[in-house]
Amino acid sequence: MNIPPYLWGAGVHLEYLGRELANLVNRQHAIIILCFGKQQLISDNVTVQGISPDFTFSFQDQRHLKVFDVLLRNLFMAGVLQEADILHCHTWYTHFAGCLLKQLMGITLVLTTHSLEPQRSWKAEQLGSAYKAAAWLEKTAYRNADGVIAVSRAMQHDVHALYGVPLQKIRVIHNGIDTNRYKPTSAPAVLNRMMVCGW
């Protein structure tokens, strides 16, 4: 099953996570994936709904476009979801929806951390003060989450050090590999080329 979103690392992560969660307990759980874009999929116990509101903000600083677009999509996500037992968010792009829905629905919020905004300070030049807003959204989400999944021990340490999340709330689960799809293959032509080039 090819589950959207198709873009970026979080999209790849969600494709496989969604597939594995859908297969648990004889496929008895309903998995709903809300993502940015126009993706739509209903298959068995998996529903994917892209959020792509047709609205244009008017503001003076064009660098703020990204954060306003993200917040608008988050509001739509919060309005679309009717019920859930657990919310699972990836990246600051969805953290506002997660925090809002946690309060509105009184349900558990879990975050998976792949990277953290304070470690990507180069984005400040690109986004201007919107970078501060993104970092604030991220910090707020981590401090309100019921649990955090870190993809490495280093990321666990960073979440604790940067946001004060207690270590007992952070579980390390390394990114998995689909060994049926990604596996070593013999490619003598590639190996020979590498030896000729001196790699």
C-alpha atoms as a PDB file:
ATOM      1  CA  MET A   1       0.000   0.000   0.000  1.00  0.00           C
ATOM      2  CA  ASN A   2       1.388   3.399  -0.950  1.00  0.00           C
ATOM      3  CA  ILE A   3       0.227   5.797   1.754  1.00  0.00           C
ATOM      4  CA  PRO A   4       0.670   9.545   1.223  1.00  0.00           C
ATOM      5  CA  PRO A   5       2.081  12.057   2.015  1.00  0.00           C
ATOM      6  CA  TYR A   6       4.677  11.466  -0.645  1.00  0.00           C
ATOM      7  CA  LEU A   7       7.048  14.330   0.137  1.00  0.00           C
ATOM      8  CA  TRP A   8      10.082  14.682   2.397  1.00  0.00           C
ATOM      9  CA  GLY A   9      11.373  12.399   5.105  1.00  0.00           C
ATOM     10  CA  ALA A  10       8.282  12.719   7.304  1.00  0.00           C
ATOM     11  CA  GLY A  11       6.170  11.581   4.353  1.00  0.00           C
ATOM     12  CA  VAL A  12       8.287   8.472   3.882  1.00  0.00           C
ATOM     13  CA  HIS A  13       8.185   7.847   7.640  1.00  0.00           C
ATOM     14  CA  LEU A  14       4.392   8.110   7.676  1.00  0.00           C
ATOM     15  CA  GLU A  15       3.986   5.837   4.662  1.00  0.00           C
ATOM     16  CA  TYR A  16       5.602   2.970   6.518  1.00  0.00           C
ATOM     17  CA  LEU A  17       4.259   3.851   9.966  1.00  0.00           C
ATOM     18  CA  GLY A  18       0.720   4.075   8.614  1.00  0.00           C
ATOM     19  CA  ARG A  19       1.062   0.722   6.881  1.00  0.00           C
ATOM     20  CA  GLU A  20       2.420  -1.012   9.993  1.00  0.00           C
ATOM     21  CA  LEU A  21      -0.177   0.508  12.337  1.00  0.00           C
ATOM     22  CA  ALA A  22      -2.941  -0.477   9.918  1.00  0.00           C
ATOM     23  CA  ASN A  23      -1.781  -4.113  10.014  1.00  0.00           C
ATOM     24  CA  LEU A  24      -1.875  -4.406  13.824  1.00  0.00           C
ATOM     25  CA  VAL A  25      -4.518  -6.492  15.646  1.00  0.00           C
ATOM     26  CA  ASN A  26      -5.942  -8.023  12.451  1.00  0.00           C
ATOM     27  CA  ARG A  27      -6.482  -4.549  10.987  1.00  0.00           C
ATOM     28  CA  GLN A  28      -9.056  -3.658  13.653  1.00  0.00           C
ATOM     29  CA  HIS A  29      -7.843  -0.068  14.190  1.00  0.00           C
ATOM     30  CA  ALA A  30      -8.852   2.811  11.937  1.00  0.00           C
ATOM     31  CA  ILE A  31      -5.859   4.912  10.896  1.00  0.00           C
ATOM     32  CA  ILE A  32      -6.539   8.486   9.771  1.00  0.00           C
ATOM     33  CA  ILE A  33      -3.654  10.445   8.271  1.00  0.00           C
ATOM     34  CA  LEU A  34      -4.124  14.179   7.826  1.00  0.00           C
ATOM     35  CA  CYS A  35      -1.408  15.745   5.696  1.00  0.00           C
ATOM     36  CA  PHE A  36      -0.640  18.793   3.605  1.00  0.00           C
ATOM     37  CA  GLY A  37      -1.579  18.621  -0.064  1.00  0.00           C
ATOM     38  CA  LYS A  38      -4.385  17.122  -2.113  1.00  0.00           C
ATOM     39  CA  GLN A  39      -3.768  13.435  -1.388  1.00  0.00           C
ATOM     40  CA  GLN A  40      -6.900  11.357  -0.857  1.00  0.00           C
ATOM     41  CA  LEU A  41      -7.026   7.646  -0.056  1.00  0.00           C
ATOM     42  CA  ILE A  42      -9.582   5.363   1.529  1.00  0.00           C
ATOM     43  CA  SER A  43      -8.430   1.770   1.707  1.00  0.00           C
ATOM     44  CA  ASP A  44      -9.605  -0.799   4.216  1.00  0.00           C
ATOM     45  CA  ASN A  45      -8.910   0.742   7.622  1.00  0.00           C
ATOM     46  CA  VAL A  46      -6.715   3.626   6.357  1.00  0.00           C
ATOM     47  CA  THR A  47      -7.973   7.067   5.394  1.00  0.00           C
ATOM     48  CA  VAL A  48      -5.630   9.749   4.101  1.00  0.00           C
ATOM     49  CA  GLN A  49      -6.953  13.260   3.720  1.00  0.00           C
ATOM     50  CA  GLY A  50      -4.865  16.045   2.315  1.00  0.00           C
ATOM     51  CA  ILE A  51      -5.497  19.527   3.676  1.00  0.00           C
ATOM     52  CA  SER A  52      -5.163  22.235   1.054  1.00  0.00           C
ATOM     53  CA  PRO A  53      -7.367  25.253   1.863  1.00  0.00           C
ATOM     54  CA  ASP A  54      -7.944  27.718  -0.941  1.00  0.00           C
ATOM     55  CA  PHE A  55      -7.138  30.938   0.874  1.00  0.00           C
ATOM     56  CA  THR A  56      -4.521  33.641   0.409  1.00  0.00           C
ATOM     57  CA  PHE A  57      -3.283  35.768   3.275  1.00  0.00           C
ATOM     58  CA  SER A  58      -2.431  39.401   2.816  1.00  0.00           C
ATOM     59  CA  PHE A  59       0.489  40.636   4.914  1.00  0.00           C
ATOM     60  CA  GLN A  60       3.548  42.801   4.578  1.00  0.00           C
ATOM     61  CA  ASP A  61       6.372  40.312   5.109  1.00  0.00           C
ATOM     62  CA  GLN A  62       6.357  37.516   2.520  1.00  0.00           C
ATOM     63  CA  ARG A  63       8.562  35.392   4.788  1.00  0.00           C
ATOM     64  CA  HIS A  64       5.533  34.935   7.061  1.00  0.00           C
ATOM     65  CA  LEU A  65       3.572  33.170   4.314  1.00  0.00           C
ATOM     66  CA  LYS A  66       4.831  29.731   5.356  1.00  0.00           C
ATOM     67  CA  VAL A  67       3.863  29.974   9.021  1.00  0.00           C
ATOM     68  CA  PHE A  68       0.427  31.442   8.236  1.00  0.00           C
ATOM     69  CA  ASP A  69      -0.189  28.694   5.684  1.00  0.00           C
ATOM     70  CA  VAL A  70       0.840  26.065   8.232  1.00  0.00           C
ATOM     71  CA  LEU A  71      -1.450  27.522  10.918  1.00  0.00           C
ATOM     72  CA  LEU A  72      -4.410  27.668   8.520  1.00  0.00           C
ATOM     73  CA  ARG A  73      -3.921  24.021   7.532  1.00  0.00           C
ATOM     74  CA  ASN A  74      -3.673  23.104  11.213  1.00  0.00           C
ATOM     75  CA  LEU A  75      -7.017  24.781  11.903  1.00  0.00           C
ATOM     76  CA  PHE A  76      -8.566  22.803   9.049  1.00  0.00           C
ATOM     77  CA  MET A  77      -7.026  19.592  10.447  1.00  0.00           C
ATOM     78  CA  ALA A  78      -8.499  20.337  13.861  1.00  0.00           C
ATOM     79  CA  GLY A  79     -11.898  20.948  12.280  1.00  0.00           C
ATOM     80  CA  VAL A  80     -11.850  17.813  10.094  1.00  0.00           C
ATOM     81  CA  LEU A  81     -11.074  15.225  12.771  1.00  0.00           C
ATOM     82  CA  GLN A  82     -14.273  14.010  14.428  1.00  0.00           C
ATOM     83  CA  GLU A  83     -12.885  11.438  16.839  1.00  0.00           C
ATOM     84  CA  ALA A  84      -9.625   9.745  17.770  1.00  0.00           C
ATOM     85  CA  ASP A  85      -8.042   7.844  20.636  1.00  0.00           C
ATOM     86  CA  ILE A  86      -4.473   9.011  20.059  1.00  0.00           C
ATOM     87  CA  LEU A  87      -2.989  11.939  18.133  1.00  0.00           C
ATOM     88  CA  HIS A  88       0.449  11.387  16.626  1.00  0.00           C
ATOM     89  CA  CYS A  89       2.206  14.416  15.117  1.00  0.00           C
ATOM     90  CA  HIS A  90       5.443  14.838  13.163  1.00  0.00           C
ATOM     91  CA  THR A  91       7.293  18.162  12.815  1.00  0.00           C
ATOM     92  CA  TRP A  92       6.169  21.628  13.868  1.00  0.00           C
ATOM     93  CA  TYR A  93       3.998  21.751  10.746  1.00  0.00           C
ATOM     94  CA  THR A  94       1.276  19.790  12.579  1.00  0.00           C
ATOM     95  CA  HIS A  95       1.990  20.579  16.224  1.00  0.00           C
ATOM     96  CA  PHE A  96      -0.595  23.371  16.507  1.00  0.00           C
ATOM     97  CA  ALA A  97      -3.357  20.990  15.370  1.00  0.00           C
ATOM     98  CA  GLY A  98      -2.110  18.360  17.817  1.00  0.00           C
ATOM     99  CA  CYS A  99      -2.092  20.740  20.781  1.00  0.00           C
ATOM    100  CA  LEU A 100      -5.490  22.168  19.848  1.00  0.00           C
ATOM    101  CA  LEU A 101      -7.097  18.749  19.401  1.00  0.00           C
ATOM    102  CA  LYS A 102      -5.578  17.484  22.655  1.00  0.00           C
ATOM    103  CA  GLN A 103      -7.413  20.281  24.462  1.00  0.00           C
ATOM    104  CA  LEU A 104     -10.652  20.061  22.467  1.00  0.00           C
ATOM    105  CA  MET A 105     -10.968  16.266  22.560  1.00  0.00           C
ATOM    106  CA  GLY A 106      -9.110  15.453  25.774  1.00  0.00           C
ATOM    107  CA  ILE A 107      -7.001  12.754  24.148  1.00  0.00           C
ATOM    108  CA  THR A 108      -3.365  11.643  24.221  1.00  0.00           C
ATOM    109  CA  LEU A 109      -0.816  13.552  22.135  1.00  0.00           C
ATOM    110  CA  VAL A 110       2.356  11.797  20.992  1.00  0.00           C
ATOM    111  CA  LEU A 111       5.092  13.494  18.959  1.00  0.00           C
ATOM    112  CA  THR A 112       7.774  11.853  16.852  1.00  0.00           C
ATOM    113  CA  THR A 113      10.898  13.961  16.646  1.00  0.00           C
ATOM    114  CA  HIS A 114      13.101  13.802  13.580  1.00  0.00           C
ATOM    115  CA  SER A 115      14.813  17.182  14.102  1.00  0.00           C
ATOM    116  CA  LEU A 116      14.344  20.293  16.226  1.00  0.00           C
ATOM    117  CA  GLU A 117      14.029  23.907  15.130  1.00  0.00           C
ATOM    118  CA  PRO A 118      16.712  25.345  17.494  1.00  0.00           C
ATOM    119  CA  GLN A 119      19.209  23.098  15.706  1.00  0.00           C
ATOM    120  CA  ARG A 120      18.301  24.612  12.349  1.00  0.00           C
ATOM    121  CA  SER A 121      19.035  28.271  13.064  1.00  0.00           C
ATOM    122  CA  TRP A 122      19.902  28.856   9.398  1.00  0.00           C
ATOM    123  CA  LYS A 123      16.124  28.997   8.835  1.00  0.00           C
ATOM    124  CA  ALA A 124      15.963  32.343  10.673  1.00  0.00           C
ATOM    125  CA  GLU A 125      17.468  34.067   7.647  1.00  0.00           C
ATOM    126  CA  GLN A 126      14.978  32.357   5.369  1.00  0.00           C
ATOM    127  CA  LEU A 127      11.838  32.817   7.495  1.00  0.00           C
ATOM    128  CA  GLY A 128      12.567  35.947   9.512  1.00  0.00           C
ATOM    129  CA  SER A 129      10.463  36.259  12.660  1.00  0.00           C
ATOM    130  CA  ALA A 130       8.310  33.366  11.409  1.00  0.00           C
ATOM    131  CA  TYR A 131      11.231  31.161  12.474  1.00  0.00           C
ATOM    132  CA  LYS A 132      10.685  32.284  16.064  1.00  0.00           C
ATOM    133  CA  ALA A 133       6.993  31.440  15.729  1.00  0.00           C
ATOM    134  CA  ALA A 134       7.829  27.954  14.403  1.00  0.00           C
ATOM    135  CA  ALA A 135      10.282  27.337  17.254  1.00  0.00           C
ATOM    136  CA  TRP A 136       7.669  28.548  19.778  1.00  0.00           C
ATOM    137  CA  LEU A 137       5.025  26.217  18.298  1.00  0.00           C
ATOM    138  CA  GLU A 138       7.452  23.322  18.524  1.00  0.00           C
ATOM    139  CA  LYS A 139       8.465  24.081  22.126  1.00  0.00           C
ATOM    140  CA  THR A 140       4.816  24.431  23.175  1.00  0.00           C
ATOM    141  CA  ALA A 141       3.946  21.072  21.618  1.00  0.00           C
ATOM    142  CA  TYR A 142       6.815  19.231  23.310  1.00  0.00           C
ATOM    143  CA  ARG A 143       5.906  20.686  26.674  1.00  0.00           C
ATOM    144  CA  ASN A 144       2.256  19.621  26.232  1.00  0.00           C
ATOM    145  CA  ALA A 145       2.807  16.172  24.724  1.00  0.00           C
ATOM    146  CA  ASP A 146       1.962  13.075  26.716  1.00  0.00           C
ATOM    147  CA  GLY A 147       4.829  11.204  25.108  1.00  0.00           C
ATOM    148  CA  VAL A 148       7.662  11.719  22.634  1.00  0.00           C
ATOM    149  CA  ILE A 149       9.231   9.226  20.250  1.00  0.00           C
ATOM    150  CA  ALA A 150      12.838  10.107  19.439  1.00  0.00           C
ATOM    151  CA  VAL A 151      14.513   8.487  16.441  1.00  0.00           C
ATOM    152  CA  SER A 152      17.880   8.300  18.246  1.00  0.00           C
ATOM    153  CA  ARG A 153      19.482   8.595  21.691  1.00  0.00           C
ATOM    154  CA  ALA A 154      20.990  11.917  20.598  1.00  0.00           C
ATOM    155  CA  MET A 155      17.515  13.214  19.701  1.00  0.00           C
ATOM    156  CA  GLN A 156      16.201  12.013  23.073  1.00  0.00           C
ATOM    157  CA  HIS A 157      18.957  14.010  24.775  1.00  0.00           C
ATOM    158  CA  ASP A 158      18.205  17.097  22.650  1.00  0.00           C
ATOM    159  CA  VAL A 159      14.454  17.045  23.412  1.00  0.00           C
ATOM    160  CA  HIS A 160      15.248  16.800  27.116  1.00  0.00           C
ATOM    161  CA  ALA A 161      17.984  19.458  27.052  1.00  0.00           C
ATOM    162  CA  LEU A 162      16.198  21.987  24.819  1.00  0.00           C
ATOM    163  CA  TYR A 163      12.602  21.636  26.003  1.00  0.00           C
ATOM    164  CA  GLY A 164      12.874  20.117  29.481  1.00  0.00           C
ATOM    165  CA  VAL A 165      10.787  17.074  28.592  1.00  0.00           C
ATOM    166  CA  PRO A 166      11.367  14.446  31.313  1.00  0.00           C
ATOM    167  CA  LEU A 167      13.428  11.512  30.030  1.00  0.00           C
ATOM    168  CA  GLN A 168      10.761   9.048  31.166  1.00  0.00           C
ATOM    169  CA  LYS A 169       8.364  10.653  28.655  1.00  0.00           C
ATOM    170  CA  ILE A 170      10.760  10.132  25.728  1.00  0.00           C
ATOM    171  CA  ARG A 171      11.001   6.698  24.124  1.00  0.00           C
ATOM    172  CA  VAL A 172      13.723   5.955  21.560  1.00  0.00           C
ATOM    173  CA  ILE A 173      12.441   4.063  18.527  1.00  0.00           C
ATOM    174  CA  HIS A 174      14.906   4.028  15.662  1.00  0.00           C
ATOM    175  CA  ASN A 175      13.623   4.420  12.118  1.00  0.00           C
ATOM    176  CA  GLY A 176      12.836   0.999  10.704  1.00  0.00           C
ATOM    177  CA  ILE A 177      13.801  -0.393   7.329  1.00  0.00           C
ATOM    178  CA  ASP A 178      11.505  -2.397   5.069  1.00  0.00           C
ATOM    179  CA  THR A 179      13.901  -5.276   4.367  1.00  0.00           C
ATOM    180  CA  ASN A 180      11.630  -6.614   1.620  1.00  0.00           C
ATOM    181  CA  ARG A 181      12.104  -3.399  -0.334  1.00  0.00           C
ATOM    182  CA  TYR A 182      15.549  -2.185   0.753  1.00  0.00           C
ATOM    183  CA  LYS A 183      18.170  -4.923   0.748  1.00  0.00           C
ATOM    184  CA  PRO A 184      21.722  -5.421  -0.484  1.00  0.00           C
ATOM    185  CA  THR A 185      22.034  -6.518  -4.082  1.00  0.00           C
ATOM    186  CA  SER A 186      25.009  -7.597  -6.074  1.00  0.00           C
ATOM    187  CA  ALA A 187      25.986  -4.984  -8.653  1.00  0.00           C
ATOM    188  CA  PRO A 188      29.447  -5.890 -10.028  1.00  0.00           C
ATOM    189  CA  ALA A 189      29.363  -3.069 -12.598  1.00  0.00           C
ATOM    190  CA  VAL A 190      28.950  -0.474  -9.844  1.00  0.00           C
ATOM    191  CA  LEU A 191      31.705  -2.033  -7.739  1.00  0.00           C
ATOM    192  CA  ASN A 192      34.065  -2.133 -10.723  1.00  0.00           C
ATOM    193  CA  ARG A 193      33.363   1.541 -11.482  1.00  0.00           C
ATOM    194  CA  MET A 194      34.067   2.461  -7.861  1.00  0.00           C
ATOM    195  CA  MET A 195      37.426   0.641  -7.983  1.00  0.00           C
ATOM    196  CA  VAL A 196      38.396   2.345 -11.256  1.00  0.00           C
ATOM    197  CA  CYS A 197      37.536   5.774  -9.791  1.00  0.00           C
ATOM    198  CA  GLY A 198      39.545   5.007  -6.650  1.00  0.00           C
ATOM    199  CA  TRP A 199      36.637   5.245  -4.168  1.00  0.00           C
END
